[in-house]
């Protein structure tokens, strides 16, 4: 079992990685949709659906890993850490 502080740092890194990935997802896929719209328009096949869907599935797994897949309640551990720092 890893020390609590190391575990909290690991969780913090996972959350930061998720946030960066989510921003990248939004920027890149917005650009792809704009390229689709201005080159072929709404009358043609919406090809950006593939990167939107498959990259979105991967992003959902990252979200789960960063916010839900942490065994015990992570928020309780953060609260305990804050209480210890205040004492």
PDB file of N, CA and C in Angstrom:
ATOM      1  N   UNK A   1       0.842  -1.182   0.000  1.00  0.00           N
ATOM      2  CA  UNK A   1       0.000   0.000   0.000  1.00  0.00           C
ATOM      3  C   UNK A   1       0.879   1.234   0.000  1.00  0.00           C
ATOM      4  N   UNK A   2       0.565   2.169  -0.884  1.00  0.00           N
ATOM      5  CA  UNK A   2       1.386   3.362  -0.979  1.00  0.00           C
ATOM      6  C   UNK A   2       0.983   4.389   0.081  1.00  0.00           C
ATOM      7  N   UNK A   3       1.907   5.246   0.510  1.00  0.00           N
ATOM      8  CA  UNK A   3       1.585   6.267   1.510  1.00  0.00           C
ATOM      9  C   UNK A   3       0.472   7.190   1.011  1.00  0.00           C
ATOM     10  N   UNK A   4      -0.262   7.735   1.942  1.00  0.00           N
ATOM     11  CA  UNK A   4      -1.413   8.556   1.591  1.00  0.00           C
ATOM     12  C   UNK A   4      -1.033   9.777   0.763  1.00  0.00           C
ATOM     13  N   UNK A   5       0.038  10.470   1.140  1.00  0.00           N
ATOM     14  CA  UNK A   5       0.433  11.660   0.393  1.00  0.00           C
ATOM     15  C   UNK A   5       0.796  11.310  -1.046  1.00  0.00           C
ATOM     16  N   UNK A   6       1.482  10.190  -1.224  1.00  0.00           N
ATOM     17  CA  UNK A   6       1.851   9.763  -2.579  1.00  0.00           C
ATOM     18  C   UNK A   6       0.595   9.426  -3.382  1.00  0.00           C
ATOM     19  N   UNK A   7      -0.363   8.810  -2.728  1.00  0.00           N
ATOM     20  CA  UNK A   7      -1.618   8.465  -3.404  1.00  0.00           C
ATOM     21  C   UNK A   7      -2.382   9.721  -3.801  1.00  0.00           C
ATOM     22  N   UNK A   8      -2.402  10.723  -2.920  1.00  0.00           N
ATOM     23  CA  UNK A   8      -3.097  11.972  -3.237  1.00  0.00           C
ATOM     24  C   UNK A   8      -2.419  12.700  -4.393  1.00  0.00           C
ATOM     25  N   UNK A   9      -1.085  12.668  -4.426  1.00  0.00           N
ATOM     26  CA  UNK A   9      -0.367  13.284  -5.547  1.00  0.00           C
ATOM     27  C   UNK A   9      -0.687  12.560  -6.850  1.00  0.00           C
ATOM     28  N   UNK A  10      -0.781  11.242  -6.785  1.00  0.00           N
ATOM     29  CA  UNK A  10      -1.117  10.459  -7.974  1.00  0.00           C
ATOM     30  C   UNK A  10      -2.505  10.850  -8.492  1.00  0.00           C
ATOM     31  N   UNK A  11      -3.450  10.987  -7.583  1.00  0.00           N
ATOM     32  CA  UNK A  11      -4.810  11.375  -7.958  1.00  0.00           C
ATOM     33  C   UNK A  11      -4.815  12.784  -8.540  1.00  0.00           C
ATOM     34  N   UNK A  12      -4.060  13.686  -7.925  1.00  0.00           N
ATOM     35  CA  UNK A  12      -3.985  15.058  -8.430  1.00  0.00           C
ATOM     36  C   UNK A  12      -3.394  15.094  -9.838  1.00  0.00           C
ATOM     37  N   UNK A  13      -2.377  14.275 -10.093  1.00  0.00           N
ATOM     38  CA  UNK A  13      -1.788  14.212 -11.439  1.00  0.00           C
ATOM     39  C   UNK A  13      -2.788  13.652 -12.445  1.00  0.00           C
ATOM     40  N   UNK A  14      -3.543  12.623 -12.052  1.00  0.00           N
ATOM     41  CA  UNK A  14      -4.558  12.063 -12.948  1.00  0.00           C
ATOM     42  C   UNK A  14      -5.627  13.094 -13.292  1.00  0.00           C
ATOM     43  N   UNK A  15      -6.032  13.879 -12.301  1.00  0.00           N
ATOM     44  CA  UNK A  15      -7.050  14.903 -12.547  1.00  0.00           C
ATOM     45  C   UNK A  15      -6.523  16.015 -13.439  1.00  0.00           C
ATOM     46  N   UNK A  16      -5.285  16.415 -13.236  1.00  0.00           N
ATOM     47  CA  UNK A  16      -4.694  17.444 -14.099  1.00  0.00           C
ATOM     48  C   UNK A  16      -4.560  16.924 -15.526  1.00  0.00           C
ATOM     49  N   UNK A  17      -4.159  15.673 -15.661  1.00  0.00           N
ATOM     50  CA  UNK A  17      -4.039  15.059 -16.986  1.00  0.00           C
ATOM     51  C   UNK A  17      -5.401  15.008 -17.672  1.00  0.00           C
ATOM     52  N   UNK A  18      -6.447  14.658 -16.921  1.00  0.00           N
ATOM     53  CA  UNK A  18      -7.789  14.618 -17.497  1.00  0.00           C
ATOM     54  C   UNK A  18      -8.217  15.998 -17.974  1.00  0.00           C
ATOM     55  N   UNK A  19      -7.982  17.015 -17.155  1.00  0.00           N
ATOM     56  CA  UNK A  19      -8.389  18.377 -17.540  1.00  0.00           C
ATOM     57  C   UNK A  19      -7.660  18.833 -18.802  1.00  0.00           C
ATOM     58  N   UNK A  20      -6.371  18.538 -18.896  1.00  0.00           N
ATOM     59  CA  UNK A  20      -5.628  18.890 -20.109  1.00  0.00           C
ATOM     60  C   UNK A  20      -6.161  18.128 -21.317  1.00  0.00           C
ATOM     61  N   UNK A  21      -6.467  16.864 -21.132  1.00  0.00           N
ATOM     62  CA  UNK A  21      -7.003  16.053 -22.231  1.00  0.00           C
ATOM     63  C   UNK A  21      -8.375  16.567 -22.666  1.00  0.00           C
ATOM     64  N   UNK A  22      -9.195  16.983 -21.722  1.00  0.00           N
ATOM     65  CA  UNK A  22     -10.528  17.494 -22.056  1.00  0.00           C
ATOM     66  C   UNK A  22     -10.433  18.795 -22.853  1.00  0.00           C
ATOM     67  N   UNK A  23      -9.518  19.665 -22.477  1.00  0.00           N
ATOM     68  CA  UNK A  23      -9.331  20.915 -23.219  1.00  0.00           C
ATOM     69  C   UNK A  23      -8.841  20.618 -24.631  1.00  0.00           C
ATOM     70  N   UNK A  24      -7.881  19.710 -24.751  1.00  0.00           N
ATOM     71  CA  UNK A  24      -7.376  19.326 -26.069  1.00  0.00           C
ATOM     72  C   UNK A  24      -8.488  18.714 -26.914  1.00  0.00           C
ATOM     73  N   UNK A  25      -9.302  17.866 -26.312  1.00  0.00           N
ATOM     74  CA  UNK A  25     -10.431  17.241 -27.002  1.00  0.00           C
ATOM     75  C   UNK A  25     -11.369  18.306 -27.572  1.00  0.00           C
ATOM     76  N   UNK A  26     -11.704  19.293 -26.745  1.00  0.00           N
ATOM     77  CA  UNK A  26     -12.622  20.342 -27.197  1.00  0.00           C
ATOM     78  C   UNK A  26     -12.029  21.170 -28.332  1.00  0.00           C
ATOM     79  N   UNK A  27     -10.772  21.564 -28.202  1.00  0.00           N
ATOM     80  CA  UNK A  27     -10.139  22.406 -29.226  1.00  0.00           C
ATOM     81  C   UNK A  27      -9.998  21.653 -30.549  1.00  0.00           C
ATOM     82  N   UNK A  28      -9.455  20.443 -30.484  1.00  0.00           N
ATOM     83  CA  UNK A  28      -9.222  19.681 -31.718  1.00  0.00           C
ATOM     84  C   UNK A  28     -10.537  19.318 -32.396  1.00  0.00           C
ATOM     85  N   UNK A  29     -11.514  18.858 -31.637  1.00  0.00           N
ATOM     86  CA  UNK A  29     -12.763  18.436 -32.264  1.00  0.00           C
ATOM     87  C   UNK A  29     -13.595  19.614 -32.751  1.00  0.00           C
ATOM     88  N   UNK A  30     -13.499  20.751 -32.091  1.00  0.00           N
ATOM     89  CA  UNK A  30     -14.151  21.954 -32.609  1.00  0.00           C
ATOM     90  C   UNK A  30     -13.530  22.344 -33.939  1.00  0.00           C
ATOM     91  N   UNK A  31     -12.207  22.236 -34.037  1.00  0.00           N
ATOM     92  CA  UNK A  31     -11.520  22.524 -35.296  1.00  0.00           C
ATOM     93  C   UNK A  31     -11.947  21.540 -36.388  1.00  0.00           C
ATOM     94  N   UNK A  32     -12.042  20.261 -36.052  1.00  0.00           N
ATOM     95  CA  UNK A  32     -12.467  19.267 -37.042  1.00  0.00           C
ATOM     96  C   UNK A  32     -13.887  19.524 -37.536  1.00  0.00           C
ATOM     97  N   UNK A  33     -14.782  19.888 -36.638  1.00  0.00           N
ATOM     98  CA  UNK A  33     -16.157  20.191 -37.038  1.00  0.00           C
ATOM     99  C   UNK A  33     -16.183  21.437 -37.923  1.00  0.00           C
ATOM    100  N   UNK A  34     -15.362  22.428 -37.589  1.00  0.00           N
ATOM    101  CA  UNK A  34     -15.291  23.634 -38.429  1.00  0.00           C
ATOM    102  C   UNK A  34     -14.754  23.297 -39.821  1.00  0.00           C
ATOM    103  N   UNK A  35     -13.728  22.453 -39.893  1.00  0.00           N
ATOM    104  CA  UNK A  35     -13.192  22.029 -41.190  1.00  0.00           C
ATOM    105  C   UNK A  35     -14.271  21.310 -41.997  1.00  0.00           C
ATOM    106  N   UNK A  36     -14.990  20.404 -41.341  1.00  0.00           N
ATOM    107  CA  UNK A  36     -16.074  19.683 -42.021  1.00  0.00           C
ATOM    108  C   UNK A  36     -17.127  20.665 -42.538  1.00  0.00           C
ATOM    109  N   UNK A  37     -17.532  21.602 -41.691  1.00  0.00           N
ATOM    110  CA  UNK A  37     -18.600  22.532 -42.052  1.00  0.00           C
ATOM    111  C   UNK A  37     -18.207  23.424 -43.229  1.00  0.00           C
ATOM    112  N   UNK A  38     -16.981  23.951 -43.190  1.00  0.00           N
ATOM    113  CA  UNK A  38     -16.586  24.898 -44.227  1.00  0.00           C
ATOM    114  C   UNK A  38     -16.103  24.235 -45.520  1.00  0.00           C
ATOM    115  N   UNK A  39     -15.769  22.955 -45.466  1.00  0.00           N
ATOM    116  CA  UNK A  39     -15.325  22.288 -46.690  1.00  0.00           C
ATOM    117  C   UNK A  39     -16.432  21.493 -47.368  1.00  0.00           C
ATOM    118  N   UNK A  40     -17.270  20.813 -46.604  1.00  0.00           N
ATOM    119  CA  UNK A  40     -18.302  19.998 -47.239  1.00  0.00           C
ATOM    120  C   UNK A  40     -19.714  20.403 -46.838  1.00  0.00           C
ATOM    121  N   UNK A  41     -19.840  21.071 -45.729  1.00  0.00           N
ATOM    122  CA  UNK A  41     -21.141  21.585 -45.332  1.00  0.00           C
ATOM    123  C   UNK A  41     -22.068  20.560 -44.722  1.00  0.00           C
ATOM    124  N   UNK A  42     -23.195  21.050 -44.217  1.00  0.00           N
ATOM    125  CA  UNK A  42     -24.142  20.181 -43.505  1.00  0.00           C
ATOM    126  C   UNK A  42     -24.855  19.162 -44.395  1.00  0.00           C
ATOM    127  N   UNK A  43     -24.761  19.297 -45.702  1.00  0.00           N
ATOM    128  CA  UNK A  43     -25.459  18.347 -46.582  1.00  0.00           C
ATOM    129  C   UNK A  43     -24.695  17.044 -46.754  1.00  0.00           C
ATOM    130  N   UNK A  44     -23.419  17.005 -46.394  1.00  0.00           N
ATOM    131  CA  UNK A  44     -22.606  15.800 -46.573  1.00  0.00           C
ATOM    132  C   UNK A  44     -22.442  15.048 -45.257  1.00  0.00           C
ATOM    133  N   UNK A  45     -21.833  13.875 -45.364  1.00  0.00           N
ATOM    134  CA  UNK A  45     -21.649  12.994 -44.208  1.00  0.00           C
ATOM    135  C   UNK A  45     -20.830  13.676 -43.108  1.00  0.00           C
ATOM    136  N   UNK A  46     -21.286  13.557 -41.889  1.00  0.00           N
ATOM    137  CA  UNK A  46     -20.624  14.185 -40.736  1.00  0.00           C
ATOM    138  C   UNK A  46     -19.506  13.269 -40.252  1.00  0.00           C
ATOM    139  N   UNK A  47     -18.349  13.337 -40.923  1.00  0.00           N
ATOM    140  CA  UNK A  47     -17.219  12.464 -40.602  1.00  0.00           C
ATOM    141  C   UNK A  47     -16.562  12.753 -39.249  1.00  0.00           C
ATOM    142  N   UNK A  48     -16.675  13.966 -38.678  1.00  0.00           N
ATOM    143  CA  UNK A  48     -16.062  14.167 -37.356  1.00  0.00           C
ATOM    144  C   UNK A  48     -16.692  13.329 -36.242  1.00  0.00           C
ATOM    145  N   UNK A  49     -17.784  12.630 -36.544  1.00  0.00           N
ATOM    146  CA  UNK A  49     -18.412  11.790 -35.530  1.00  0.00           C
ATOM    147  C   UNK A  49     -17.446  10.708 -35.040  1.00  0.00           C
ATOM    148  N   UNK A  50     -16.549  10.235 -35.910  1.00  0.00           N
ATOM    149  CA  UNK A  50     -15.639   9.169 -35.508  1.00  0.00           C
ATOM    150  C   UNK A  50     -14.621   9.620 -34.454  1.00  0.00           C
ATOM    151  N   UNK A  51     -13.883  10.711 -34.678  1.00  0.00           N
ATOM    152  CA  UNK A  51     -12.978  11.137 -33.604  1.00  0.00           C
ATOM    153  C   UNK A  51     -13.741  11.623 -32.373  1.00  0.00           C
ATOM    154  N   UNK A  52     -14.896  12.258 -32.577  1.00  0.00           N
ATOM    155  CA  UNK A  52     -15.686  12.695 -31.428  1.00  0.00           C
ATOM    156  C   UNK A  52     -16.067  11.506 -30.548  1.00  0.00           C
ATOM    157  N   UNK A  53     -16.546  10.445 -31.161  1.00  0.00           N
ATOM    158  CA  UNK A  53     -17.019   9.297 -30.391  1.00  0.00           C
ATOM    159  C   UNK A  53     -15.870   8.513 -29.760  1.00  0.00           C
ATOM    160  N   UNK A  54     -14.907   8.093 -30.585  1.00  0.00           N
ATOM    161  CA  UNK A  54     -13.865   7.206 -30.062  1.00  0.00           C
ATOM    162  C   UNK A  54     -12.929   7.924 -29.078  1.00  0.00           C
ATOM    163  N   UNK A  55     -12.577   9.157 -29.381  1.00  0.00           N
ATOM    164  CA  UNK A  55     -11.757   9.921 -28.446  1.00  0.00           C
ATOM    165  C   UNK A  55     -12.577  10.217 -27.188  1.00  0.00           C
ATOM    166  N   UNK A  56     -13.879  10.449 -27.348  1.00  0.00           N
ATOM    167  CA  UNK A  56     -14.756  10.688 -26.205  1.00  0.00           C
ATOM    168  C   UNK A  56     -14.843   9.487 -25.279  1.00  0.00           C
ATOM    169  N   UNK A  57     -14.849   8.279 -25.853  1.00  0.00           N
ATOM    170  CA  UNK A  57     -14.851   7.063 -25.037  1.00  0.00           C
ATOM    171  C   UNK A  57     -13.569   6.993 -24.201  1.00  0.00           C
ATOM    172  N   UNK A  58     -12.436   7.256 -24.837  1.00  0.00           N
ATOM    173  CA  UNK A  58     -11.165   7.268 -24.107  1.00  0.00           C
ATOM    174  C   UNK A  58     -11.148   8.329 -23.022  1.00  0.00           C
ATOM    175  N   UNK A  59     -11.708   9.488 -23.321  1.00  0.00           N
ATOM    176  CA  UNK A  59     -11.775  10.567 -22.334  1.00  0.00           C
ATOM    177  C   UNK A  59     -12.676  10.179 -21.157  1.00  0.00           C
ATOM    178  N   UNK A  60     -13.750   9.449 -21.446  1.00  0.00           N
ATOM    179  CA  UNK A  60     -14.637   8.983 -20.377  1.00  0.00           C
ATOM    180  C   UNK A  60     -13.908   8.011 -19.448  1.00  0.00           C
ATOM    181  N   UNK A  61     -13.070   7.141 -20.020  1.00  0.00           N
ATOM    182  CA  UNK A  61     -12.271   6.244 -19.179  1.00  0.00           C
ATOM    183  C   UNK A  61     -11.286   7.032 -18.316  1.00  0.00           C
ATOM    184  N   UNK A  62     -10.679   8.069 -18.882  1.00  0.00           N
ATOM    185  CA  UNK A  62      -9.771   8.918 -18.098  1.00  0.00           C
ATOM    186  C   UNK A  62     -10.508   9.605 -16.958  1.00  0.00           C
ATOM    187  N   UNK A  63     -11.726  10.072 -17.243  1.00  0.00           N
ATOM    188  CA  UNK A  63     -12.534  10.713 -16.214  1.00  0.00           C
ATOM    189  C   UNK A  63     -12.826   9.729 -15.080  1.00  0.00           C
ATOM    190  N   UNK A  64     -13.230   8.529 -15.443  1.00  0.00           N
ATOM    191  CA  UNK A  64     -13.530   7.517 -14.432  1.00  0.00           C
ATOM    192  C   UNK A  64     -12.304   7.228 -13.576  1.00  0.00           C
ATOM    193  N   UNK A  65     -11.162   7.084 -14.223  1.00  0.00           N
ATOM    194  CA  UNK A  65      -9.931   6.781 -13.494  1.00  0.00           C
ATOM    195  C   UNK A  65      -9.540   7.927 -12.560  1.00  0.00           C
ATOM    196  N   UNK A  66      -9.744   9.157 -12.990  1.00  0.00           N
ATOM    197  CA  UNK A  66      -9.316  10.310 -12.193  1.00  0.00           C
ATOM    198  C   UNK A  66     -10.283  10.640 -11.055  1.00  0.00           C
ATOM    199  N   UNK A  67     -11.576  10.412 -11.254  1.00  0.00           N
ATOM    200  CA  UNK A  67     -12.550  10.874 -10.269  1.00  0.00           C
ATOM    201  C   UNK A  67     -13.320   9.775  -9.546  1.00  0.00           C
ATOM    202  N   UNK A  68     -13.387   8.570 -10.072  1.00  0.00           N
ATOM    203  CA  UNK A  68     -14.209   7.543  -9.453  1.00  0.00           C
ATOM    204  C   UNK A  68     -13.461   6.286  -9.063  1.00  0.00           C
ATOM    205  N   UNK A  69     -12.383   5.971  -9.739  1.00  0.00           N
ATOM    206  CA  UNK A  69     -11.704   4.698  -9.525  1.00  0.00           C
ATOM    207  C   UNK A  69     -10.565   4.849  -8.525  1.00  0.00           C
ATOM    208  N   UNK A  70     -10.893   5.274  -7.333  1.00  0.00           N
ATOM    209  CA  UNK A  70      -9.853   5.519  -6.340  1.00  0.00           C
ATOM    210  C   UNK A  70     -10.101   4.782  -5.027  1.00  0.00           C
ATOM    211  N   UNK A  71     -10.804   3.695  -5.099  1.00  0.00           N
ATOM    212  CA  UNK A  71     -11.047   2.918  -3.884  1.00  0.00           C
ATOM    213  C   UNK A  71     -11.917   3.686  -2.905  1.00  0.00           C
ATOM    214  N   UNK A  72     -11.344   4.044  -1.771  1.00  0.00           N
ATOM    215  CA  UNK A  72     -12.073   4.802  -0.763  1.00  0.00           C
ATOM    216  C   UNK A  72     -12.433   6.177  -1.304  1.00  0.00           C
ATOM    217  N   UNK A  73     -13.275   6.848  -0.591  1.00  0.00           N
ATOM    218  CA  UNK A  73     -13.679   8.180  -1.002  1.00  0.00           C
ATOM    219  C   UNK A  73     -12.493   9.135  -0.974  1.00  0.00           C
ATOM    220  N   UNK A  74     -12.136   9.630  -2.130  1.00  0.00           N
ATOM    221  CA  UNK A  74     -10.992  10.543  -2.236  1.00  0.00           C
ATOM    222  C   UNK A  74     -11.295  11.851  -1.536  1.00  0.00           C
ATOM    223  N   UNK A  75     -12.522  12.301  -1.648  1.00  0.00           N
ATOM    224  CA  UNK A  75     -12.883  13.564  -1.013  1.00  0.00           C
ATOM    225  C   UNK A  75     -12.699  13.482   0.498  1.00  0.00           C
ATOM    226  N   UNK A  76     -13.004  12.347   1.103  1.00  0.00           N
ATOM    227  CA  UNK A  76     -12.793  12.183   2.542  1.00  0.00           C
ATOM    228  C   UNK A  76     -11.314  12.293   2.888  1.00  0.00           C
ATOM    229  N   UNK A  77     -10.460  11.729   2.023  1.00  0.00           N
ATOM    230  CA  UNK A  77      -9.023  11.821   2.279  1.00  0.00           C
ATOM    231  C   UNK A  77      -8.537  13.260   2.176  1.00  0.00           C
ATOM    232  N   UNK A  78      -9.046  13.990   1.182  1.00  0.00           N
ATOM    233  CA  UNK A  78      -8.682  15.401   1.064  1.00  0.00           C
ATOM    234  C   UNK A  78      -9.131  16.181   2.296  1.00  0.00           C
ATOM    235  N   UNK A  79     -10.354  15.909   2.746  1.00  0.00           N
ATOM    236  CA  UNK A  79     -10.861  16.598   3.929  1.00  0.00           C
ATOM    237  C   UNK A  79     -10.013  16.298   5.165  1.00  0.00           C
ATOM    238  N   UNK A  80      -9.618  15.045   5.337  1.00  0.00           N
ATOM    239  CA  UNK A  80      -8.750  14.681   6.453  1.00  0.00           C
ATOM    240  C   UNK A  80      -7.420  15.410   6.380  1.00  0.00           C
ATOM    241  N   UNK A  81      -6.869  15.479   5.189  1.00  0.00           N
ATOM    242  CA  UNK A  81      -5.593  16.166   4.999  1.00  0.00           C
ATOM    243  C   UNK A  81      -5.716  17.648   5.342  1.00  0.00           C
ATOM    244  N   UNK A  82      -6.812  18.262   4.931  1.00  0.00           N
ATOM    245  CA  UNK A  82      -7.032  19.674   5.254  1.00  0.00           C
ATOM    246  C   UNK A  82      -7.176  19.880   6.758  1.00  0.00           C
ATOM    247  N   UNK A  83      -7.907  18.985   7.425  1.00  0.00           N
ATOM    248  CA  UNK A  83      -8.066  19.103   8.866  1.00  0.00           C
ATOM    249  C   UNK A  83      -6.732  18.956   9.594  1.00  0.00           C
ATOM    250  N   UNK A  84      -5.886  18.036   9.119  1.00  0.00           N
ATOM    251  CA  UNK A  84      -4.590  17.849   9.737  1.00  0.00           C
ATOM    252  C   UNK A  84      -3.703  19.072   9.536  1.00  0.00           C
ATOM    253  N   UNK A  85      -3.790  19.706   8.376  1.00  0.00           N
ATOM    254  CA  UNK A  85      -2.996  20.897   8.113  1.00  0.00           C
ATOM    255  C   UNK A  85      -3.451  22.079   8.965  1.00  0.00           C
ATOM    256  N   UNK A  86      -4.723  22.147   9.293  1.00  0.00           N
ATOM    257  CA  UNK A  86      -5.251  23.261  10.085  1.00  0.00           C
ATOM    258  C   UNK A  86      -4.909  23.122  11.569  1.00  0.00           C
ATOM    259  N   UNK A  87      -4.571  21.935  12.009  1.00  0.00           N
ATOM    260  CA  UNK A  87      -4.280  21.724  13.437  1.00  0.00           C
ATOM    261  C   UNK A  87      -2.888  22.131  13.784  1.00  0.00           C
TER     262      UNK A  87
END
